[in-house]
Amino acid sequence: MFDLSEKLKALRKRDNLTQEELAFELGVTKSVISAYERGTRMPSYDILIHLASMYDVSIDYLLGFEHKNLLDLSGLTPNEIEAVKNLVDTMREH
């Protein structure tokens, strides 16, 4: 089982939000937020998307499918991406 409830609580506290403030932002009640954080209720897809966007994390992260050590290569040209891959491969060989 993943720890969505713990992550949601930690992210809310990180941003210094009360359950009431988060509930208002999401358009739900405080009791719904409390249920998410206790693990007795799962957020809908729409709520998960909103939470991921709001906290600047991926839905994979929220659901426990975190991929460690990923690099954001957006904005790089295909040649630059290939250069980064080659650099990583070279570093692994040593």
PDB file of N, CA and C in Angstrom:
ATOM      1  N   MET A   1       0.846  -1.193   0.000  1.00  0.00           N
ATOM      2  CA  MET A   1       0.000   0.000   0.000  1.00  0.00           C
ATOM      3  C   MET A   1       0.879   1.240   0.000  1.00  0.00           C
ATOM      4  N   PHE A   2       0.491   2.212  -0.723  1.00  0.00           N
ATOM      5  CA  PHE A   2       1.275   3.431  -0.787  1.00  0.00           C
ATOM      6  C   PHE A   2       0.848   4.407   0.298  1.00  0.00           C
ATOM      7  N   ASP A   3       1.622   5.431   0.486  1.00  0.00           N
ATOM      8  CA  ASP A   3       1.391   6.354   1.588  1.00  0.00           C
ATOM      9  C   ASP A   3       0.833   7.693   1.104  1.00  0.00           C
ATOM     10  N   LEU A   4      -0.200   7.648   0.266  1.00  0.00           N
ATOM     11  CA  LEU A   4      -0.822   8.861  -0.244  1.00  0.00           C
ATOM     12  C   LEU A   4      -1.271   9.763   0.892  1.00  0.00           C
ATOM     13  N   SER A   5      -1.901   9.190   1.900  1.00  0.00           N
ATOM     14  CA  SER A   5      -2.428  10.002   2.996  1.00  0.00           C
ATOM     15  C   SER A   5      -1.306  10.784   3.689  1.00  0.00           C
ATOM     16  N   GLU A   6      -0.174  10.124   3.927  1.00  0.00           N
ATOM     17  CA  GLU A   6       0.952  10.800   4.574  1.00  0.00           C
ATOM     18  C   GLU A   6       1.537  11.887   3.678  1.00  0.00           C
ATOM     19  N   LYS A   7       1.632  11.601   2.384  1.00  0.00           N
ATOM     20  CA  LYS A   7       2.172  12.597   1.456  1.00  0.00           C
ATOM     21  C   LYS A   7       1.276  13.817   1.376  1.00  0.00           C
ATOM     22  N   LEU A   8      -0.039  13.590   1.318  1.00  0.00           N
ATOM     23  CA  LEU A   8      -0.959  14.719   1.238  1.00  0.00           C
ATOM     24  C   LEU A   8      -0.853  15.610   2.475  1.00  0.00           C
ATOM     25  N   LYS A   9      -0.763  14.991   3.633  1.00  0.00           N
ATOM     26  CA  LYS A   9      -0.647  15.762   4.876  1.00  0.00           C
ATOM     27  C   LYS A   9       0.673  16.527   4.913  1.00  0.00           C
ATOM     28  N   ALA A  10       1.761  15.866   4.533  1.00  0.00           N
ATOM     29  CA  ALA A  10       3.076  16.519   4.547  1.00  0.00           C
ATOM     30  C   ALA A  10       3.125  17.690   3.555  1.00  0.00           C
ATOM     31  N   LEU A  11       2.560  17.499   2.374  1.00  0.00           N
ATOM     32  CA  LEU A  11       2.561  18.579   1.383  1.00  0.00           C
ATOM     33  C   LEU A  11       1.710  19.754   1.853  1.00  0.00           C
ATOM     34  N   ARG A  12       0.569  19.459   2.456  1.00  0.00           N
ATOM     35  CA  ARG A  12      -0.285  20.537   2.976  1.00  0.00           C
ATOM     36  C   ARG A  12       0.446  21.324   4.048  1.00  0.00           C
ATOM     37  N   LYS A  13       1.094  20.601   4.962  1.00  0.00           N
ATOM     38  CA  LYS A  13       1.829  21.281   6.038  1.00  0.00           C
ATOM     39  C   LYS A  13       3.039  22.043   5.497  1.00  0.00           C
ATOM     40  N   ARG A  14       3.704  21.465   4.486  1.00  0.00           N
ATOM     41  CA  ARG A  14       4.846  22.152   3.857  1.00  0.00           C
ATOM     42  C   ARG A  14       4.442  23.527   3.354  1.00  0.00           C
ATOM     43  N   ASP A  15       3.233  23.602   2.806  1.00  0.00           N
ATOM     44  CA  ASP A  15       2.745  24.865   2.266  1.00  0.00           C
ATOM     45  C   ASP A  15       1.965  25.685   3.289  1.00  0.00           C
ATOM     46  N   ASN A  16       2.043  25.283   4.551  1.00  0.00           N
ATOM     47  CA  ASN A  16       1.385  26.001   5.646  1.00  0.00           C
ATOM     48  C   ASN A  16      -0.098  26.226   5.396  1.00  0.00           C
ATOM     49  N   LEU A  17      -0.765  25.186   4.925  1.00  0.00           N
ATOM     50  CA  LEU A  17      -2.206  25.264   4.689  1.00  0.00           C
ATOM     51  C   LEU A  17      -2.940  24.496   5.775  1.00  0.00           C
ATOM     52  N   THR A  18      -4.089  25.007   6.166  1.00  0.00           N
ATOM     53  CA  THR A  18      -4.959  24.251   7.052  1.00  0.00           C
ATOM     54  C   THR A  18      -5.807  23.324   6.187  1.00  0.00           C
ATOM     55  N   GLN A  19      -6.433  22.365   6.837  1.00  0.00           N
ATOM     56  CA  GLN A  19      -7.345  21.500   6.100  1.00  0.00           C
ATOM     57  C   GLN A  19      -8.484  22.320   5.492  1.00  0.00           C
ATOM     58  N   GLU A  20      -8.930  23.342   6.207  1.00  0.00           N
ATOM     59  CA  GLU A  20     -10.000  24.197   5.700  1.00  0.00           C
ATOM     60  C   GLU A  20      -9.566  24.943   4.439  1.00  0.00           C
ATOM     61  N   GLU A  21      -8.344  25.481   4.451  1.00  0.00           N
ATOM     62  CA  GLU A  21      -7.844  26.217   3.287  1.00  0.00           C
ATOM     63  C   GLU A  21      -7.697  25.302   2.072  1.00  0.00           C
ATOM     64  N   LEU A  22      -7.160  24.101   2.295  1.00  0.00           N
ATOM     65  CA  LEU A  22      -7.010  23.164   1.195  1.00  0.00           C
ATOM     66  C   LEU A  22      -8.378  22.735   0.664  1.00  0.00           C
ATOM     67  N   ALA A  23      -9.307  22.495   1.570  1.00  0.00           N
ATOM     68  CA  ALA A  23     -10.659  22.117   1.159  1.00  0.00           C
ATOM     69  C   ALA A  23     -11.276  23.197   0.278  1.00  0.00           C
ATOM     70  N   PHE A  24     -11.115  24.444   0.656  1.00  0.00           N
ATOM     71  CA  PHE A  24     -11.648  25.550  -0.133  1.00  0.00           C
ATOM     72  C   PHE A  24     -11.016  25.566  -1.520  1.00  0.00           C
ATOM     73  N   GLU A  25      -9.705  25.398  -1.577  1.00  0.00           N
ATOM     74  CA  GLU A  25      -8.980  25.395  -2.849  1.00  0.00           C
ATOM     75  C   GLU A  25      -9.474  24.281  -3.775  1.00  0.00           C
ATOM     76  N   LEU A  26      -9.783  23.129  -3.189  1.00  0.00           N
ATOM     77  CA  LEU A  26     -10.198  21.971  -3.979  1.00  0.00           C
ATOM     78  C   LEU A  26     -11.706  21.900  -4.203  1.00  0.00           C
ATOM     79  N   GLY A  27     -12.445  22.735  -3.493  1.00  0.00           N
ATOM     80  CA  GLY A  27     -13.901  22.719  -3.630  1.00  0.00           C
ATOM     81  C   GLY A  27     -14.556  21.528  -2.945  1.00  0.00           C
ATOM     82  N   VAL A  28     -13.957  21.110  -1.836  1.00  0.00           N
ATOM     83  CA  VAL A  28     -14.504  20.009  -1.036  1.00  0.00           C
ATOM     84  C   VAL A  28     -14.621  20.486   0.405  1.00  0.00           C
ATOM     85  N   THR A  29     -15.097  19.624   1.274  1.00  0.00           N
ATOM     86  CA  THR A  29     -15.220  19.987   2.681  1.00  0.00           C
ATOM     87  C   THR A  29     -13.966  19.601   3.459  1.00  0.00           C
ATOM     88  N   LYS A  30     -13.827  20.174   4.645  1.00  0.00           N
ATOM     89  CA  LYS A  30     -12.701  19.839   5.521  1.00  0.00           C
ATOM     90  C   LYS A  30     -12.735  18.356   5.880  1.00  0.00           C
ATOM     91  N   SER A  31     -13.917  17.800   6.054  1.00  0.00           N
ATOM     92  CA  SER A  31     -14.012  16.384   6.418  1.00  0.00           C
ATOM     93  C   SER A  31     -13.491  15.483   5.294  1.00  0.00           C
ATOM     94  N   VAL A  32     -13.615  15.916   4.047  1.00  0.00           N
ATOM     95  CA  VAL A  32     -13.066  15.148   2.924  1.00  0.00           C
ATOM     96  C   VAL A  32     -11.544  15.165   2.990  1.00  0.00           C
ATOM     97  N   ILE A  33     -10.966  16.331   3.263  1.00  0.00           N
ATOM     98  CA  ILE A  33      -9.498  16.431   3.396  1.00  0.00           C
ATOM     99  C   ILE A  33      -9.029  15.550   4.542  1.00  0.00           C
ATOM    100  N   SER A  34      -9.740  15.602   5.648  1.00  0.00           N
ATOM    101  CA  SER A  34      -9.390  14.772   6.803  1.00  0.00           C
ATOM    102  C   SER A  34      -9.429  13.289   6.425  1.00  0.00           C
ATOM    103  N   ALA A  35     -10.427  12.882   5.660  1.00  0.00           N
ATOM    104  CA  ALA A  35     -10.533  11.476   5.239  1.00  0.00           C
ATOM    105  C   ALA A  35      -9.386  11.095   4.312  1.00  0.00           C
ATOM    106  N   TYR A  36      -8.983  12.015   3.415  1.00  0.00           N
ATOM    107  CA  TYR A  36      -7.815  11.750   2.556  1.00  0.00           C
ATOM    108  C   TYR A  36      -6.580  11.511   3.413  1.00  0.00           C
ATOM    109  N   GLU A  37      -6.396  12.365   4.417  1.00  0.00           N
ATOM    110  CA  GLU A  37      -5.191  12.305   5.247  1.00  0.00           C
ATOM    111  C   GLU A  37      -5.208  11.117   6.222  1.00  0.00           C
ATOM    112  N   ARG A  38      -6.360  10.605   6.529  1.00  0.00           N
ATOM    113  CA  ARG A  38      -6.454   9.399   7.374  1.00  0.00           C
ATOM    114  C   ARG A  38      -6.388   8.136   6.530  1.00  0.00           C
ATOM    115  N   GLY A  39      -6.525   8.282   5.223  1.00  0.00           N
ATOM    116  CA  GLY A  39      -6.488   7.125   4.340  1.00  0.00           C
ATOM    117  C   GLY A  39      -7.796   6.372   4.252  1.00  0.00           C
ATOM    118  N   THR A  40      -8.884   7.002   4.686  1.00  0.00           N
ATOM    119  CA  THR A  40     -10.189   6.342   4.637  1.00  0.00           C
ATOM    120  C   THR A  40     -10.972   6.685   3.373  1.00  0.00           C
ATOM    121  N   ARG A  41     -10.432   7.608   2.596  1.00  0.00           N
ATOM    122  CA  ARG A  41     -11.070   8.004   1.341  1.00  0.00           C
ATOM    123  C   ARG A  41      -9.983   8.349   0.332  1.00  0.00           C
ATOM    124  N   MET A  42     -10.224   7.976  -0.923  1.00  0.00           N
ATOM    125  CA  MET A  42      -9.275   8.274  -1.997  1.00  0.00           C
ATOM    126  C   MET A  42      -9.765   9.471  -2.806  1.00  0.00           C
ATOM    127  N   PRO A  43      -8.856  10.365  -3.188  1.00  0.00           N
ATOM    128  CA  PRO A  43      -9.254  11.488  -4.044  1.00  0.00           C
ATOM    129  C   PRO A  43      -9.639  10.998  -5.438  1.00  0.00           C
ATOM    130  N   SER A  44     -10.537  11.730  -6.074  1.00  0.00           N
ATOM    131  CA  SER A  44     -10.900  11.428  -7.460  1.00  0.00           C
ATOM    132  C   SER A  44      -9.737  11.803  -8.372  1.00  0.00           C
ATOM    133  N   TYR A  45      -9.836  11.394  -9.628  1.00  0.00           N
ATOM    134  CA  TYR A  45      -8.797  11.755 -10.597  1.00  0.00           C
ATOM    135  C   TYR A  45      -8.652  13.269 -10.702  1.00  0.00           C
ATOM    136  N   ASP A  46      -9.781  13.960 -10.754  1.00  0.00           N
ATOM    137  CA  ASP A  46      -9.736  15.419 -10.864  1.00  0.00           C
ATOM    138  C   ASP A  46      -9.020  16.052  -9.677  1.00  0.00           C
ATOM    139  N   ILE A  47      -9.289  15.545  -8.496  1.00  0.00           N
ATOM    140  CA  ILE A  47      -8.636  16.070  -7.289  1.00  0.00           C
ATOM    141  C   ILE A  47      -7.152  15.742  -7.309  1.00  0.00           C
ATOM    142  N   LEU A  48      -6.795  14.522  -7.715  1.00  0.00           N
ATOM    143  CA  LEU A  48      -5.371  14.153  -7.807  1.00  0.00           C
ATOM    144  C   LEU A  48      -4.631  15.079  -8.766  1.00  0.00           C
ATOM    145  N   ILE A  49      -5.242  15.356  -9.903  1.00  0.00           N
ATOM    146  CA  ILE A  49      -4.619  16.260 -10.884  1.00  0.00           C
ATOM    147  C   ILE A  49      -4.441  17.637 -10.278  1.00  0.00           C
ATOM    148  N   HIS A  50      -5.462  18.132  -9.605  1.00  0.00           N
ATOM    149  CA  HIS A  50      -5.383  19.460  -8.975  1.00  0.00           C
ATOM    150  C   HIS A  50      -4.293  19.487  -7.901  1.00  0.00           C
ATOM    151  N   LEU A  51      -4.234  18.445  -7.080  1.00  0.00           N
ATOM    152  CA  LEU A  51      -3.216  18.385  -6.023  1.00  0.00           C
ATOM    153  C   LEU A  51      -1.805  18.345  -6.617  1.00  0.00           C
ATOM    154  N   ALA A  52      -1.610  17.523  -7.632  1.00  0.00           N
ATOM    155  CA  ALA A  52      -0.286  17.421  -8.260  1.00  0.00           C
ATOM    156  C   ALA A  52       0.139  18.766  -8.828  1.00  0.00           C
ATOM    157  N   SER A  53      -0.772  19.446  -9.478  1.00  0.00           N
ATOM    158  CA  SER A  53      -0.467  20.756 -10.045  1.00  0.00           C
ATOM    159  C   SER A  53      -0.196  21.783  -8.942  1.00  0.00           C
ATOM    160  N   MET A  54      -1.028  21.774  -7.948  1.00  0.00           N
ATOM    161  CA  MET A  54      -0.919  22.729  -6.842  1.00  0.00           C
ATOM    162  C   MET A  54       0.399  22.586  -6.079  1.00  0.00           C
ATOM    163  N   TYR A  55       0.804  21.343  -5.848  1.00  0.00           N
ATOM    164  CA  TYR A  55       2.024  21.083  -5.083  1.00  0.00           C
ATOM    165  C   TYR A  55       3.257  20.900  -5.959  1.00  0.00           C
ATOM    166  N   ASP A  56       3.082  20.995  -7.271  1.00  0.00           N
ATOM    167  CA  ASP A  56       4.185  20.845  -8.229  1.00  0.00           C
ATOM    168  C   ASP A  56       4.893  19.502  -8.056  1.00  0.00           C
ATOM    169  N   VAL A  57       4.088  18.448  -7.991  1.00  0.00           N
ATOM    170  CA  VAL A  57       4.603  17.083  -7.938  1.00  0.00           C
ATOM    171  C   VAL A  57       3.850  16.276  -8.993  1.00  0.00           C
ATOM    172  N   SER A  58       4.338  15.096  -9.281  1.00  0.00           N
ATOM    173  CA  SER A  58       3.649  14.247 -10.250  1.00  0.00           C
ATOM    174  C   SER A  58       2.583  13.403  -9.544  1.00  0.00           C
ATOM    175  N   ILE A  59       1.620  12.962 -10.324  1.00  0.00           N
ATOM    176  CA  ILE A  59       0.626  12.034  -9.788  1.00  0.00           C
ATOM    177  C   ILE A  59       1.322  10.733  -9.403  1.00  0.00           C
ATOM    178  N   ASP A  60       2.329  10.332 -10.167  1.00  0.00           N
ATOM    179  CA  ASP A  60       3.110   9.142  -9.807  1.00  0.00           C
ATOM    180  C   ASP A  60       3.692   9.286  -8.403  1.00  0.00           C
ATOM    181  N   TYR A  61       4.222  10.457  -8.095  1.00  0.00           N
ATOM    182  CA  TYR A  61       4.777  10.698  -6.765  1.00  0.00           C
ATOM    183  C   TYR A  61       3.683  10.539  -5.703  1.00  0.00           C
ATOM    184  N   LEU A  62       2.526  11.153  -5.939  1.00  0.00           N
ATOM    185  CA  LEU A  62       1.444  11.069  -4.966  1.00  0.00           C
ATOM    186  C   LEU A  62       1.014   9.625  -4.728  1.00  0.00           C
ATOM    187  N   LEU A  63       1.008   8.833  -5.785  1.00  0.00           N
ATOM    188  CA  LEU A  63       0.536   7.454  -5.684  1.00  0.00           C
ATOM    189  C   LEU A  63       1.631   6.458  -5.333  1.00  0.00           C
ATOM    190  N   GLY A  64       2.848   6.944  -5.115  1.00  0.00           N
ATOM    191  CA  GLY A  64       3.914   6.069  -4.665  1.00  0.00           C
ATOM    192  C   GLY A  64       4.723   5.412  -5.762  1.00  0.00           C
ATOM    193  N   PHE A  65       4.596   5.910  -6.974  1.00  0.00           N
ATOM    194  CA  PHE A  65       5.373   5.367  -8.087  1.00  0.00           C
ATOM    195  C   PHE A  65       6.503   6.320  -8.447  1.00  0.00           C
ATOM    196  N   GLU A  66       7.169   6.782  -7.436  1.00  0.00           N
ATOM    197  CA  GLU A  66       8.237   7.761  -7.601  1.00  0.00           C
ATOM    198  C   GLU A  66       9.422   7.143  -8.337  1.00  0.00           C
ATOM    199  N   HIS A  67       9.876   7.827  -9.342  1.00  0.00           N
ATOM    200  CA  HIS A  67      11.077   7.426 -10.058  1.00  0.00           C
ATOM    201  C   HIS A  67      12.200   8.342  -9.597  1.00  0.00           C
ATOM    202  N   LYS A  68      13.182   7.767  -8.973  1.00  0.00           N
ATOM    203  CA  LYS A  68      14.264   8.587  -8.438  1.00  0.00           C
ATOM    204  C   LYS A  68      15.276   8.916  -9.519  1.00  0.00           C
ATOM    205  N   ASN A  69      15.933  10.033  -9.333  1.00  0.00           N
ATOM    206  CA  ASN A  69      17.025  10.472 -10.189  1.00  0.00           C
ATOM    207  C   ASN A  69      16.610  10.712 -11.638  1.00  0.00           C
ATOM    208  N   LEU A  70      15.438  11.256 -11.845  1.00  0.00           N
ATOM    209  CA  LEU A  70      15.021  11.611 -13.192  1.00  0.00           C
ATOM    210  C   LEU A  70      15.490  13.021 -13.506  1.00  0.00           C
ATOM    211  N   LEU A  71      15.873  13.228 -14.732  1.00  0.00           N
ATOM    212  CA  LEU A  71      16.279  14.554 -15.186  1.00  0.00           C
ATOM    213  C   LEU A  71      15.203  15.120 -16.096  1.00  0.00           C
ATOM    214  N   ASP A  72      14.912  16.389 -15.943  1.00  0.00           N
ATOM    215  CA  ASP A  72      13.976  17.054 -16.837  1.00  0.00           C
ATOM    216  C   ASP A  72      14.764  17.553 -18.042  1.00  0.00           C
ATOM    217  N   LEU A  73      14.561  16.926 -19.177  1.00  0.00           N
ATOM    218  CA  LEU A  73      15.290  17.281 -20.393  1.00  0.00           C
ATOM    219  C   LEU A  73      14.442  18.128 -21.332  1.00  0.00           C
ATOM    220  N   SER A  74      13.282  18.570 -20.850  1.00  0.00           N
ATOM    221  CA  SER A  74      12.434  19.395 -21.706  1.00  0.00           C
ATOM    222  C   SER A  74      13.162  20.690 -22.047  1.00  0.00           C
ATOM    223  N   GLY A  75      12.972  21.119 -23.262  1.00  0.00           N
ATOM    224  CA  GLY A  75      13.626  22.343 -23.716  1.00  0.00           C
ATOM    225  C   GLY A  75      14.962  22.094 -24.390  1.00  0.00           C
ATOM    226  N   LEU A  76      15.465  20.860 -24.292  1.00  0.00           N
ATOM    227  CA  LEU A  76      16.722  20.532 -24.954  1.00  0.00           C
ATOM    228  C   LEU A  76      16.445  20.002 -26.352  1.00  0.00           C
ATOM    229  N   THR A  77      17.375  20.220 -27.227  1.00  0.00           N
ATOM    230  CA  THR A  77      17.251  19.686 -28.583  1.00  0.00           C
ATOM    231  C   THR A  77      17.550  18.192 -28.558  1.00  0.00           C
ATOM    232  N   PRO A  78      17.154  17.472 -29.587  1.00  0.00           N
ATOM    233  CA  PRO A  78      17.502  16.040 -29.636  1.00  0.00           C
ATOM    234  C   PRO A  78      19.010  15.801 -29.542  1.00  0.00           C
ATOM    235  N   ASN A  79      19.812  16.654 -30.142  1.00  0.00           N
ATOM    236  CA  ASN A  79      21.272  16.516 -30.059  1.00  0.00           C
ATOM    237  C   ASN A  79      21.763  16.726 -28.625  1.00  0.00           C
ATOM    238  N   GLU A  80      21.179  17.698 -27.931  1.00  0.00           N
ATOM    239  CA  GLU A  80      21.579  17.951 -26.548  1.00  0.00           C
ATOM    240  C   GLU A  80      21.170  16.785 -25.642  1.00  0.00           C
ATOM    241  N   ILE A  81      19.999  16.224 -25.876  1.00  0.00           N
ATOM    242  CA  ILE A  81      19.544  15.068 -25.096  1.00  0.00           C
ATOM    243  C   ILE A  81      20.488  13.890 -25.315  1.00  0.00           C
ATOM    244  N   GLU A  82      20.873  13.680 -26.556  1.00  0.00           N
ATOM    245  CA  GLU A  82      21.812  12.591 -26.862  1.00  0.00           C
ATOM    246  C   GLU A  82      23.146  12.825 -26.167  1.00  0.00           C
ATOM    247  N   ALA A  83      23.613  14.074 -26.117  1.00  0.00           N
ATOM    248  CA  ALA A  83      24.869  14.395 -25.446  1.00  0.00           C
ATOM    249  C   ALA A  83      24.781  14.088 -23.951  1.00  0.00           C
ATOM    250  N   VAL A  84      23.647  14.411 -23.338  1.00  0.00           N
ATOM    251  CA  VAL A  84      23.454  14.124 -21.912  1.00  0.00           C
ATOM    252  C   VAL A  84      23.469  12.614 -21.688  1.00  0.00           C
ATOM    253  N   LYS A  85      22.770  11.868 -22.541  1.00  0.00           N
ATOM    254  CA  LYS A  85      22.757  10.405 -22.421  1.00  0.00           C
ATOM    255  C   LYS A  85      24.164   9.837 -22.546  1.00  0.00           C
ATOM    256  N   ASN A  86      24.933  10.335 -23.496  1.00  0.00           N
ATOM    257  CA  ASN A  86      26.307   9.874 -23.677  1.00  0.00           C
ATOM    258  C   ASN A  86      27.158  10.178 -22.458  1.00  0.00           C
ATOM    259  N   LEU A  87      26.982  11.355 -21.890  1.00  0.00           N
ATOM    260  CA  LEU A  87      27.727  11.736 -20.691  1.00  0.00           C
ATOM    261  C   LEU A  87      27.404  10.785 -19.536  1.00  0.00           C
ATOM    262  N   VAL A  88      26.120  10.491 -19.348  1.00  0.00           N
ATOM    263  CA  VAL A  88      25.709   9.580 -18.280  1.00  0.00           C
ATOM    264  C   VAL A  88      26.305   8.192 -18.509  1.00  0.00           C
ATOM    265  N   ASP A  89      26.241   7.708 -19.736  1.00  0.00           N
ATOM    266  CA  ASP A  89      26.812   6.392 -20.048  1.00  0.00           C
ATOM    267  C   ASP A  89      28.308   6.359 -19.749  1.00  0.00           C
ATOM    268  N   THR A  90      29.014   7.422 -20.127  1.00  0.00           N
ATOM    269  CA  THR A  90      30.450   7.508 -19.869  1.00  0.00           C
ATOM    270  C   THR A  90      30.737   7.490 -18.382  1.00  0.00           C
ATOM    271  N   MET A  91      29.935   8.224 -17.611  1.00  0.00           N
ATOM    272  CA  MET A  91      30.144   8.276 -16.160  1.00  0.00           C
ATOM    273  C   MET A  91      29.865   6.935 -15.513  1.00  0.00           C
ATOM    274  N   ARG A  92      28.911   6.179 -16.036  1.00  0.00           N
ATOM    275  CA  ARG A  92      28.599   4.862 -15.482  1.00  0.00           C
ATOM    276  C   ARG A  92      29.740   3.882 -15.706  1.00  0.00           C
ATOM    277  N   GLU A  93      30.459   4.051 -16.792  1.00  0.00           N
ATOM    278  CA  GLU A  93      31.559   3.151 -17.118  1.00  0.00           C
ATOM    279  C   GLU A  93      32.720   3.328 -16.168  1.00  0.00           C
ATOM    280  N   HIS A  94      32.814   4.454 -15.498  1.00  0.00           N
ATOM    281  CA  HIS A  94      33.952   4.712 -14.608  1.00  0.00           C
ATOM    282  C   HIS A  94      33.611   4.481 -13.205  1.00  0.00           C
TER     283      HIS A  94
END
